[in-house]
Amino acid sequence: MPRARVNGLELEYDSFGSPADPPLVLVMGLGAQLVTWEVGFCALLAEGGFHVVRFDNRDIGLSSYLDDLPTPDLAALAAGDPASVPYLLSDLAADITGLFDALGFGRAHVVGASMGGMIAQQLAIDAPERLLSLTSIMSTTGDPSVGQPEPAALAGLTRPPATTREQAIEDGVEWFKLVGSPGYPSDEEFLRMKATRNHDRANHPAGALRQAAAVLASGDRTAQLREVRVPTLVIHGESDPLIGVSGGKATAAAIPAAELLLFPGMGHELPRQLWPAIADAIVAHARKA
């Protein structure tokens, strides 16, 4: 896969569809690699008439790691001291505009999932002139009163990293089950394939910790989102155990004229059974914008 030089870093990316079509950039979530945007889903977006780009955020996947930066002190951060936080969501958003520049995109449609939705929201705040449209999926505003995880999901998120490949894969399978969609269950073989692929492609828990610190330190975007005028679609699962559906509802309520699309039975994932419906909604929104 190619790499783009961005803000002194290298971002791994790949693309689908014709470069002559309008660009649509996919932004993934906390600790999640570009392959989490499954090929079949990306193909549906490309078939809708878009040049689709997916990439690894800094500190994850095959993009640059920032292991020379300090390890965040999450206890201090929780107590209100962000001094150990090495970067913020605004820095991750600036990576996207840097990727635009590297790829020759003046403006693009941006679709973010989970933390990727937070990054995309921050981009709409910081550089709205670069966005053709915004789609925020299974994300939230940073307001601590909304979108809170269920206790089991929070426990799974904070579980210590595995020390062996076998345990990492088993932990991955269990995580997918924990945050999956009760209305659209996945078979064990598919979950194991994803967990194995993710681990063997890249395994960098230190980067995920720094990303988590960026989310916690970046605060509540609600007031700033009220000033956003980028055409916005908000998608959320009604059975999301990691970022509760109230986070999606709050996002749609904050951004003027945002459209809210809820899927009963969908958890914190993009289940294969819903790929056509979700892709159709994104394509229709982007075309309208």
C-alpha atoms as a PDB file:
ATOM      1  CA  MET A   1       0.000   0.000   0.000  1.00  0.00           C
ATOM      2  CA  PRO A   2       1.156   3.604  -0.556  1.00  0.00           C
ATOM      3  CA  ARG A   3       2.113   6.040   2.191  1.00  0.00           C
ATOM      4  CA  ALA A   4       1.592   9.792   2.388  1.00  0.00           C
ATOM      5  CA  ARG A   5       3.950  12.207   4.122  1.00  0.00           C
ATOM      6  CA  VAL A   6       1.766  14.234   6.466  1.00  0.00           C
ATOM      7  CA  ASN A   7       2.798  16.595   9.292  1.00  0.00           C
ATOM      8  CA  GLY A   8       6.165  14.890   9.655  1.00  0.00           C
ATOM      9  CA  LEU A   9       4.507  11.460   9.752  1.00  0.00           C
ATOM     10  CA  GLU A  10       3.763   8.742   7.233  1.00  0.00           C
ATOM     11  CA  LEU A  11       0.153   7.618   6.869  1.00  0.00           C
ATOM     12  CA  GLU A  12      -0.598   4.263   5.257  1.00  0.00           C
ATOM     13  CA  TYR A  13      -3.596   4.367   2.927  1.00  0.00           C
ATOM     14  CA  ASP A  14      -5.293   2.681   0.018  1.00  0.00           C
ATOM     15  CA  SER A  15      -8.184   3.538  -2.269  1.00  0.00           C
ATOM     16  CA  PHE A  16     -11.122   2.192  -4.243  1.00  0.00           C
ATOM     17  CA  GLY A  17     -12.875   3.487  -7.327  1.00  0.00           C
ATOM     18  CA  SER A  18     -11.889   6.071  -9.908  1.00  0.00           C
ATOM     19  CA  PRO A  19      -9.663   9.036  -8.974  1.00  0.00           C
ATOM     20  CA  ALA A  20     -11.908  11.042 -11.321  1.00  0.00           C
ATOM     21  CA  ASP A  21     -14.815  10.660  -8.892  1.00  0.00           C
ATOM     22  CA  PRO A  22     -15.370  12.930  -5.858  1.00  0.00           C
ATOM     23  CA  PRO A  23     -13.130  11.875  -2.941  1.00  0.00           C
ATOM     24  CA  LEU A  24     -14.642  10.221   0.128  1.00  0.00           C
ATOM     25  CA  VAL A  25     -12.251   9.655   3.047  1.00  0.00           C
ATOM     26  CA  LEU A  26     -12.934   7.052   5.748  1.00  0.00           C
ATOM     27  CA  VAL A  27     -11.627   7.685   9.287  1.00  0.00           C
ATOM     28  CA  MET A  28     -11.491   4.741  11.696  1.00  0.00           C
ATOM     29  CA  GLY A  29     -11.713   4.658  15.477  1.00  0.00           C
ATOM     30  CA  LEU A  30      -9.637   4.039  18.576  1.00  0.00           C
ATOM     31  CA  GLY A  31      -6.908   1.475  17.966  1.00  0.00           C
ATOM     32  CA  ALA A  32      -8.625   0.389  14.750  1.00  0.00           C
ATOM     33  CA  GLN A  33      -6.755  -0.050  11.482  1.00  0.00           C
ATOM     34  CA  LEU A  34      -7.871   0.883   7.988  1.00  0.00           C
ATOM     35  CA  VAL A  35      -8.800  -2.744   7.287  1.00  0.00           C
ATOM     36  CA  THR A  36     -11.655  -2.331   9.773  1.00  0.00           C
ATOM     37  CA  TRP A  37     -13.345  -0.603   6.853  1.00  0.00           C
ATOM     38  CA  GLU A  38     -14.005  -3.912   5.142  1.00  0.00           C
ATOM     39  CA  VAL A  39     -13.285  -4.196   1.405  1.00  0.00           C
ATOM     40  CA  GLY A  40     -16.878  -5.112   0.590  1.00  0.00           C
ATOM     41  CA  PHE A  41     -18.190  -1.985   2.308  1.00  0.00           C
ATOM     42  CA  CYS A  42     -15.625   0.249   0.596  1.00  0.00           C
ATOM     43  CA  ALA A  43     -16.580  -1.275  -2.757  1.00  0.00           C
ATOM     44  CA  LEU A  44     -20.222  -0.339  -2.214  1.00  0.00           C
ATOM     45  CA  LEU A  45     -19.239   3.283  -1.641  1.00  0.00           C
ATOM     46  CA  ALA A  46     -17.006   3.270  -4.714  1.00  0.00           C
ATOM     47  CA  GLU A  47     -19.820   1.786  -6.793  1.00  0.00           C
ATOM     48  CA  GLY A  48     -21.905   4.746  -5.644  1.00  0.00           C
ATOM     49  CA  GLY A  49     -19.594   7.028  -7.597  1.00  0.00           C
ATOM     50  CA  PHE A  50     -16.860   8.004  -5.147  1.00  0.00           C
ATOM     51  CA  HIS A  51     -13.078   7.730  -4.936  1.00  0.00           C
ATOM     52  CA  VAL A  52     -12.864   6.053  -1.540  1.00  0.00           C
ATOM     53  CA  VAL A  53      -9.737   6.392   0.615  1.00  0.00           C
ATOM     54  CA  ARG A  54      -9.162   4.565   3.894  1.00  0.00           C
ATOM     55  CA  PHE A  55      -6.051   5.101   6.022  1.00  0.00           C
ATOM     56  CA  ASP A  56      -4.364   4.261   9.305  1.00  0.00           C
ATOM     57  CA  ASN A  57      -4.458   7.083  11.846  1.00  0.00           C
ATOM     58  CA  ARG A  58      -1.145   8.072  13.388  1.00  0.00           C
ATOM     59  CA  ASP A  59       0.134   5.645  16.041  1.00  0.00           C
ATOM     60  CA  ILE A  60      -1.765   2.641  14.685  1.00  0.00           C
ATOM     61  CA  GLY A  61      -1.645   0.101  11.887  1.00  0.00           C
ATOM     62  CA  LEU A  62       1.196   0.734   9.445  1.00  0.00           C
ATOM     63  CA  SER A  63       1.298   4.515   9.889  1.00  0.00           C
ATOM     64  CA  SER A  64       4.010   6.211  11.934  1.00  0.00           C
ATOM     65  CA  TYR A  65       4.246   5.304  15.616  1.00  0.00           C
ATOM     66  CA  LEU A  66       5.028   8.035  18.123  1.00  0.00           C
ATOM     67  CA  ASP A  67       6.717   5.867  20.721  1.00  0.00           C
ATOM     68  CA  ASP A  68       9.214   8.629  21.493  1.00  0.00           C
ATOM     69  CA  LEU A  69       6.363  10.584  23.094  1.00  0.00           C
ATOM     70  CA  PRO A  70       5.511  10.121  26.779  1.00  0.00           C
ATOM     71  CA  THR A  71       3.068   7.484  27.933  1.00  0.00           C
ATOM     72  CA  PRO A  72      -0.110   9.282  29.010  1.00  0.00           C
ATOM     73  CA  ASP A  73      -0.934   9.270  32.706  1.00  0.00           C
ATOM     74  CA  LEU A  74      -4.627   8.386  32.541  1.00  0.00           C
ATOM     75  CA  ALA A  75      -5.072   8.754  36.307  1.00  0.00           C
ATOM     76  CA  ALA A  76      -3.718  12.292  36.184  1.00  0.00           C
ATOM     77  CA  LEU A  77      -5.850  13.000  33.131  1.00  0.00           C
ATOM     78  CA  ALA A  78      -8.954  11.793  34.945  1.00  0.00           C
ATOM     79  CA  ALA A  79      -8.044  14.156  37.780  1.00  0.00           C
ATOM     80  CA  GLY A  80      -7.912  17.082  35.361  1.00  0.00           C
ATOM     81  CA  ASP A  81      -4.198  17.216  34.519  1.00  0.00           C
ATOM     82  CA  PRO A  82      -3.630  16.772  30.758  1.00  0.00           C
ATOM     83  CA  ALA A  83       0.112  17.508  30.862  1.00  0.00           C
ATOM     84  CA  SER A  84       1.091  13.981  29.790  1.00  0.00           C
ATOM     85  CA  VAL A  85      -1.220  13.900  26.745  1.00  0.00           C
ATOM     86  CA  PRO A  86       0.987  13.948  23.620  1.00  0.00           C
ATOM     87  CA  TYR A  87      -1.621  15.042  21.055  1.00  0.00           C
ATOM     88  CA  LEU A  88      -5.321  15.851  20.703  1.00  0.00           C
ATOM     89  CA  LEU A  89      -8.178  15.123  18.311  1.00  0.00           C
ATOM     90  CA  SER A  90      -7.347  18.413  16.592  1.00  0.00           C
ATOM     91  CA  ASP A  91      -3.921  16.975  15.673  1.00  0.00           C
ATOM     92  CA  LEU A  92      -5.568  13.854  14.256  1.00  0.00           C
ATOM     93  CA  ALA A  93      -7.943  16.110  12.295  1.00  0.00           C
ATOM     94  CA  ALA A  94      -4.964  18.057  10.945  1.00  0.00           C
ATOM     95  CA  ASP A  95      -3.546  14.741   9.711  1.00  0.00           C
ATOM     96  CA  ILE A  96      -6.636  14.405   7.516  1.00  0.00           C
ATOM     97  CA  THR A  97      -6.200  17.813   5.898  1.00  0.00           C
ATOM     98  CA  GLY A  98      -2.560  16.889   5.400  1.00  0.00           C
ATOM     99  CA  LEU A  99      -3.683  13.683   3.697  1.00  0.00           C
ATOM    100  CA  PHE A 100      -6.008  15.757   1.497  1.00  0.00           C
ATOM    101  CA  ASP A 101      -3.032  17.895   0.472  1.00  0.00           C
ATOM    102  CA  ALA A 102      -0.822  14.879  -0.193  1.00  0.00           C
ATOM    103  CA  LEU A 103      -3.494  13.293  -2.394  1.00  0.00           C
ATOM    104  CA  GLY A 104      -4.472  16.515  -4.151  1.00  0.00           C
ATOM    105  CA  PHE A 105      -7.938  16.814  -2.608  1.00  0.00           C
ATOM    106  CA  GLY A 106      -9.098  20.396  -2.229  1.00  0.00           C
ATOM    107  CA  ARG A 107     -12.273  19.201  -0.515  1.00  0.00           C
ATOM    108  CA  ALA A 108     -13.683  15.774   0.272  1.00  0.00           C
ATOM    109  CA  HIS A 109     -16.568  13.931   1.848  1.00  0.00           C
ATOM    110  CA  VAL A 110     -15.473  12.546   5.240  1.00  0.00           C
ATOM    111  CA  VAL A 111     -16.981   9.541   7.030  1.00  0.00           C
ATOM    112  CA  GLY A 112     -15.780   8.778  10.556  1.00  0.00           C
ATOM    113  CA  ALA A 113     -16.635   5.861  12.843  1.00  0.00           C
ATOM    114  CA  SER A 114     -16.363   5.922  16.649  1.00  0.00           C
ATOM    115  CA  MET A 115     -13.228   7.960  17.476  1.00  0.00           C
ATOM    116  CA  GLY A 116     -13.057   8.551  13.732  1.00  0.00           C
ATOM    117  CA  GLY A 117     -16.421  10.312  14.029  1.00  0.00           C
ATOM    118  CA  MET A 118     -14.950  12.518  16.747  1.00  0.00           C
ATOM    119  CA  ILE A 119     -11.986  13.327  14.510  1.00  0.00           C
ATOM    120  CA  ALA A 120     -14.312  14.099  11.599  1.00  0.00           C
ATOM    121  CA  GLN A 121     -16.413  16.371  13.840  1.00  0.00           C
ATOM    122  CA  GLN A 122     -13.243  18.174  14.920  1.00  0.00           C
ATOM    123  CA  LEU A 123     -12.282  18.581  11.274  1.00  0.00           C
ATOM    124  CA  ALA A 124     -15.676  20.166  10.565  1.00  0.00           C
ATOM    125  CA  ILE A 125     -14.955  22.606  13.409  1.00  0.00           C
ATOM    126  CA  ASP A 126     -11.350  23.365  12.465  1.00  0.00           C
ATOM    127  CA  ALA A 127     -11.445  23.305   8.661  1.00  0.00           C
ATOM    128  CA  PRO A 128     -15.051  23.296   7.403  1.00  0.00           C
ATOM    129  CA  GLU A 129     -13.940  24.681   4.057  1.00  0.00           C
ATOM    130  CA  ARG A 130     -12.211  21.351   3.316  1.00  0.00           C
ATOM    131  CA  LEU A 131     -15.374  19.252   3.768  1.00  0.00           C
ATOM    132  CA  LEU A 132     -18.041  18.521   1.176  1.00  0.00           C
ATOM    133  CA  SER A 133     -20.041  16.550   3.731  1.00  0.00           C
ATOM    134  CA  LEU A 134     -19.679  14.868   7.118  1.00  0.00           C
ATOM    135  CA  THR A 135     -20.959  11.477   8.210  1.00  0.00           C
ATOM    136  CA  SER A 136     -20.475  10.621  11.893  1.00  0.00           C
ATOM    137  CA  ILE A 137     -21.085   6.953  12.736  1.00  0.00           C
ATOM    138  CA  MET A 138     -21.442   5.438  16.254  1.00  0.00           C
ATOM    139  CA  SER A 139     -19.756   8.482  17.770  1.00  0.00           C
ATOM    140  CA  THR A 140     -20.464  11.238  20.285  1.00  0.00           C
ATOM    141  CA  THR A 141     -19.843  14.888  21.106  1.00  0.00           C
ATOM    142  CA  GLY A 142     -17.421  14.580  24.005  1.00  0.00           C
ATOM    143  CA  ASP A 143     -20.143  15.588  26.461  1.00  0.00           C
ATOM    144  CA  PRO A 144     -19.624  13.165  29.369  1.00  0.00           C
ATOM    145  CA  SER A 145     -23.348  12.989  30.048  1.00  0.00           C
ATOM    146  CA  VAL A 146     -24.099  11.207  26.739  1.00  0.00           C
ATOM    147  CA  GLY A 147     -22.802   8.180  24.860  1.00  0.00           C
ATOM    148  CA  GLN A 148     -21.453   6.438  27.923  1.00  0.00           C
ATOM    149  CA  PRO A 149     -20.358   2.771  27.628  1.00  0.00           C
ATOM    150  CA  GLU A 150     -22.026  -0.105  29.375  1.00  0.00           C
ATOM    151  CA  PRO A 151     -19.884  -1.520  32.241  1.00  0.00           C
ATOM    152  CA  ALA A 152     -18.955  -4.711  30.356  1.00  0.00           C
ATOM    153  CA  ALA A 153     -17.844  -2.754  27.295  1.00  0.00           C
ATOM    154  CA  LEU A 154     -15.781  -0.375  29.423  1.00  0.00           C
ATOM    155  CA  ALA A 155     -14.130  -3.340  31.134  1.00  0.00           C
ATOM    156  CA  GLY A 156     -13.311  -4.886  27.768  1.00  0.00           C
ATOM    157  CA  LEU A 157     -11.871  -1.610  26.494  1.00  0.00           C
ATOM    158  CA  THR A 158      -9.551  -1.261  29.495  1.00  0.00           C
ATOM    159  CA  ARG A 159      -8.380  -4.877  29.595  1.00  0.00           C
ATOM    160  CA  PRO A 160      -4.560  -5.160  29.734  1.00  0.00           C
ATOM    161  CA  PRO A 161      -2.921  -5.991  26.379  1.00  0.00           C
ATOM    162  CA  ALA A 162      -2.338  -9.681  25.660  1.00  0.00           C
ATOM    163  CA  THR A 163       1.230 -10.973  25.858  1.00  0.00           C
ATOM    164  CA  THR A 164       0.941 -13.704  23.193  1.00  0.00           C
ATOM    165  CA  ARG A 165      -0.451 -13.863  19.665  1.00  0.00           C
ATOM    166  CA  GLU A 166      -2.916 -16.568  20.614  1.00  0.00           C
ATOM    167  CA  GLN A 167      -4.298 -14.592  23.549  1.00  0.00           C
ATOM    168  CA  ALA A 168      -4.494 -11.417  21.478  1.00  0.00           C
ATOM    169  CA  ILE A 169      -6.597 -13.192  18.864  1.00  0.00           C
ATOM    170  CA  GLU A 170      -8.880 -14.708  21.504  1.00  0.00           C
ATOM    171  CA  ASP A 171      -9.260 -11.303  23.149  1.00  0.00           C
ATOM    172  CA  GLY A 172     -10.110  -9.833  19.753  1.00  0.00           C
ATOM    173  CA  VAL A 173     -12.834 -12.396  19.145  1.00  0.00           C
ATOM    174  CA  GLU A 174     -14.310 -11.782  22.587  1.00  0.00           C
ATOM    175  CA  TRP A 175     -14.215  -8.012  22.006  1.00  0.00           C
ATOM    176  CA  PHE A 176     -16.085  -8.319  18.718  1.00  0.00           C
ATOM    177  CA  LYS A 177     -18.725 -10.428  20.453  1.00  0.00           C
ATOM    178  CA  LEU A 178     -18.996  -7.941  23.306  1.00  0.00           C
ATOM    179  CA  VAL A 179     -19.628  -4.887  21.117  1.00  0.00           C
ATOM    180  CA  GLY A 180     -21.369  -6.685  18.252  1.00  0.00           C
ATOM    181  CA  SER A 181     -24.908  -6.325  16.989  1.00  0.00           C
ATOM    182  CA  PRO A 182     -27.551  -8.458  18.731  1.00  0.00           C
ATOM    183  CA  GLY A 183     -29.841  -7.993  15.754  1.00  0.00           C
ATOM    184  CA  TYR A 184     -27.159  -8.972  13.216  1.00  0.00           C
ATOM    185  CA  PRO A 185     -24.888 -11.633  14.721  1.00  0.00           C
ATOM    186  CA  SER A 186     -21.626 -12.609  13.032  1.00  0.00           C
ATOM    187  CA  ASP A 187     -20.327 -16.153  12.788  1.00  0.00           C
ATOM    188  CA  GLU A 188     -17.290 -17.199  14.784  1.00  0.00           C
ATOM    189  CA  GLU A 189     -15.196 -17.808  11.666  1.00  0.00           C
ATOM    190  CA  PHE A 190     -15.627 -14.215  10.464  1.00  0.00           C
ATOM    191  CA  LEU A 191     -14.774 -12.778  13.883  1.00  0.00           C
ATOM    192  CA  ARG A 192     -11.671 -14.957  14.168  1.00  0.00           C
ATOM    193  CA  MET A 193     -10.573 -13.937  10.680  1.00  0.00           C
ATOM    194  CA  LYS A 194     -10.853 -10.262  11.657  1.00  0.00           C
ATOM    195  CA  ALA A 195      -9.018 -10.714  14.961  1.00  0.00           C
ATOM    196  CA  THR A 196      -6.198 -12.671  13.301  1.00  0.00           C
ATOM    197  CA  ARG A 197      -5.888 -10.198  10.429  1.00  0.00           C
ATOM    198  CA  ASN A 198      -5.795  -7.215  12.749  1.00  0.00           C
ATOM    199  CA  HIS A 199      -3.146  -8.691  15.011  1.00  0.00           C
ATOM    200  CA  ASP A 200      -0.907  -9.993  12.258  1.00  0.00           C
ATOM    201  CA  ARG A 201      -1.047  -6.788  10.233  1.00  0.00           C
ATOM    202  CA  ALA A 202       0.003  -4.591  13.167  1.00  0.00           C
ATOM    203  CA  ASN A 203      -0.235  -4.716  16.947  1.00  0.00           C
ATOM    204  CA  HIS A 204       0.502  -1.463  18.766  1.00  0.00           C
ATOM    205  CA  PRO A 205      -1.357  -1.042  22.071  1.00  0.00           C
ATOM    206  CA  ALA A 206       0.837   1.917  23.120  1.00  0.00           C
ATOM    207  CA  GLY A 207      -0.534   3.905  20.195  1.00  0.00           C
ATOM    208  CA  ALA A 208      -4.099   3.064  21.142  1.00  0.00           C
ATOM    209  CA  LEU A 209      -3.395   4.354  24.660  1.00  0.00           C
ATOM    210  CA  ARG A 210      -2.192   7.688  23.277  1.00  0.00           C
ATOM    211  CA  GLN A 211      -5.264   7.884  21.046  1.00  0.00           C
ATOM    212  CA  ALA A 212      -7.511   7.241  24.064  1.00  0.00           C
ATOM    213  CA  ALA A 213      -5.778  10.056  25.933  1.00  0.00           C
ATOM    214  CA  ALA A 214      -6.415  12.364  22.974  1.00  0.00           C
ATOM    215  CA  VAL A 215     -10.146  11.587  23.156  1.00  0.00           C
ATOM    216  CA  LEU A 216     -10.316  12.178  26.907  1.00  0.00           C
ATOM    217  CA  ALA A 217      -8.275  15.388  26.820  1.00  0.00           C
ATOM    218  CA  SER A 218     -10.117  16.985  23.904  1.00  0.00           C
ATOM    219  CA  GLY A 219     -13.262  17.698  25.871  1.00  0.00           C
ATOM    220  CA  ASP A 220     -16.822  18.552  24.897  1.00  0.00           C
ATOM    221  CA  ARG A 221     -17.368  19.751  21.302  1.00  0.00           C
ATOM    222  CA  THR A 222     -21.081  20.529  21.664  1.00  0.00           C
ATOM    223  CA  ALA A 223     -20.845  24.334  21.600  1.00  0.00           C
ATOM    224  CA  GLN A 224     -18.492  24.272  18.619  1.00  0.00           C
ATOM    225  CA  LEU A 225     -20.656  21.748  16.766  1.00  0.00           C
ATOM    226  CA  ARG A 226     -23.563  24.185  16.985  1.00  0.00           C
ATOM    227  CA  GLU A 227     -21.585  26.468  14.652  1.00  0.00           C
ATOM    228  CA  VAL A 228     -20.931  23.754  12.046  1.00  0.00           C
ATOM    229  CA  ARG A 229     -22.667  24.287   8.699  1.00  0.00           C
ATOM    230  CA  VAL A 230     -21.261  21.255   6.882  1.00  0.00           C
ATOM    231  CA  PRO A 231     -24.040  18.941   5.604  1.00  0.00           C
ATOM    232  CA  THR A 232     -24.095  16.181   8.225  1.00  0.00           C
ATOM    233  CA  LEU A 233     -25.468  12.665   8.532  1.00  0.00           C
ATOM    234  CA  VAL A 234     -25.333  10.900  11.908  1.00  0.00           C
ATOM    235  CA  ILE A 235     -25.648   7.091  11.988  1.00  0.00           C
ATOM    236  CA  HIS A 236     -25.885   5.058  15.180  1.00  0.00           C
ATOM    237  CA  GLY A 237     -26.946   1.627  16.362  1.00  0.00           C
ATOM    238  CA  GLU A 238     -29.662   1.510  18.968  1.00  0.00           C
ATOM    239  CA  SER A 239     -27.892  -1.422  20.671  1.00  0.00           C
ATOM    240  CA  ASP A 240     -24.403   0.137  20.835  1.00  0.00           C
ATOM    241  CA  PRO A 241     -22.825  -0.929  24.163  1.00  0.00           C
ATOM    242  CA  LEU A 242     -19.612   1.101  23.778  1.00  0.00           C
ATOM    243  CA  ILE A 243     -20.916   4.529  22.732  1.00  0.00           C
ATOM    244  CA  GLY A 244     -24.560   4.638  23.732  1.00  0.00           C
ATOM    245  CA  VAL A 245     -27.113   5.845  21.212  1.00  0.00           C
ATOM    246  CA  SER A 246     -27.532   9.054  23.226  1.00  0.00           C
ATOM    247  CA  GLY A 247     -24.124  10.076  21.834  1.00  0.00           C
ATOM    248  CA  GLY A 248     -25.411   9.905  18.275  1.00  0.00           C
ATOM    249  CA  LYS A 249     -28.620  11.702  19.178  1.00  0.00           C
ATOM    250  CA  ALA A 250     -26.631  14.467  20.888  1.00  0.00           C
ATOM    251  CA  THR A 251     -24.384  14.830  17.833  1.00  0.00           C
ATOM    252  CA  ALA A 252     -27.363  15.224  15.521  1.00  0.00           C
ATOM    253  CA  ALA A 253     -29.017  17.665  17.915  1.00  0.00           C
ATOM    254  CA  ALA A 254     -25.884  19.819  18.138  1.00  0.00           C
ATOM    255  CA  ILE A 255     -25.152  20.188  14.411  1.00  0.00           C
ATOM    256  CA  PRO A 256     -27.737  22.364  12.653  1.00  0.00           C
ATOM    257  CA  ALA A 257     -29.865  20.514  10.082  1.00  0.00           C
ATOM    258  CA  ALA A 258     -28.069  17.208  10.721  1.00  0.00           C
ATOM    259  CA  GLU A 259     -29.930  14.069   9.674  1.00  0.00           C
ATOM    260  CA  LEU A 260     -30.123  11.207  12.196  1.00  0.00           C
ATOM    261  CA  LEU A 261     -30.366   7.590  11.057  1.00  0.00           C
ATOM    262  CA  LEU A 262     -30.765   4.914  13.743  1.00  0.00           C
ATOM    263  CA  PHE A 263     -30.550   1.162  13.209  1.00  0.00           C
ATOM    264  CA  PRO A 264     -32.324  -1.110  15.712  1.00  0.00           C
ATOM    265  CA  GLY A 265     -30.223  -4.112  16.701  1.00  0.00           C
ATOM    266  CA  MET A 266     -26.916  -2.575  15.554  1.00  0.00           C
ATOM    267  CA  GLY A 267     -24.037  -2.485  18.040  1.00  0.00           C
ATOM    268  CA  HIS A 268     -20.627  -0.835  17.866  1.00  0.00           C
ATOM    269  CA  GLU A 269     -19.740  -2.105  14.415  1.00  0.00           C
ATOM    270  CA  LEU A 270     -20.887  -2.059  10.810  1.00  0.00           C
ATOM    271  CA  PRO A 271     -22.568  -5.464  10.494  1.00  0.00           C
ATOM    272  CA  ARG A 272     -22.327  -7.051   7.057  1.00  0.00           C
ATOM    273  CA  GLN A 273     -26.107  -7.377   6.863  1.00  0.00           C
ATOM    274  CA  LEU A 274     -26.414  -3.570   7.038  1.00  0.00           C
ATOM    275  CA  TRP A 275     -23.619  -2.649   4.627  1.00  0.00           C
ATOM    276  CA  PRO A 276     -26.008  -1.941   1.735  1.00  0.00           C
ATOM    277  CA  ALA A 277     -28.321   0.232   3.821  1.00  0.00           C
ATOM    278  CA  ILE A 278     -25.478   2.172   5.469  1.00  0.00           C
ATOM    279  CA  ALA A 279     -23.590   2.620   2.191  1.00  0.00           C
ATOM    280  CA  ASP A 280     -26.756   3.757   0.414  1.00  0.00           C
ATOM    281  CA  ALA A 281     -27.398   6.340   3.130  1.00  0.00           C
ATOM    282  CA  ILE A 282     -23.834   7.696   2.915  1.00  0.00           C
ATOM    283  CA  VAL A 283     -23.930   7.823  -0.883  1.00  0.00           C
ATOM    284  CA  ALA A 284     -27.305   9.576  -0.931  1.00  0.00           C
ATOM    285  CA  HIS A 285     -26.134  12.093   1.676  1.00  0.00           C
ATOM    286  CA  ALA A 286     -22.894  12.825  -0.168  1.00  0.00           C
ATOM    287  CA  ARG A 287     -24.653  13.227  -3.501  1.00  0.00           C
ATOM    288  CA  LYS A 288     -27.195  15.600  -1.969  1.00  0.00           C
ATOM    289  CA  ALA A 289     -24.429  17.637  -0.357  1.00  0.00           C
END
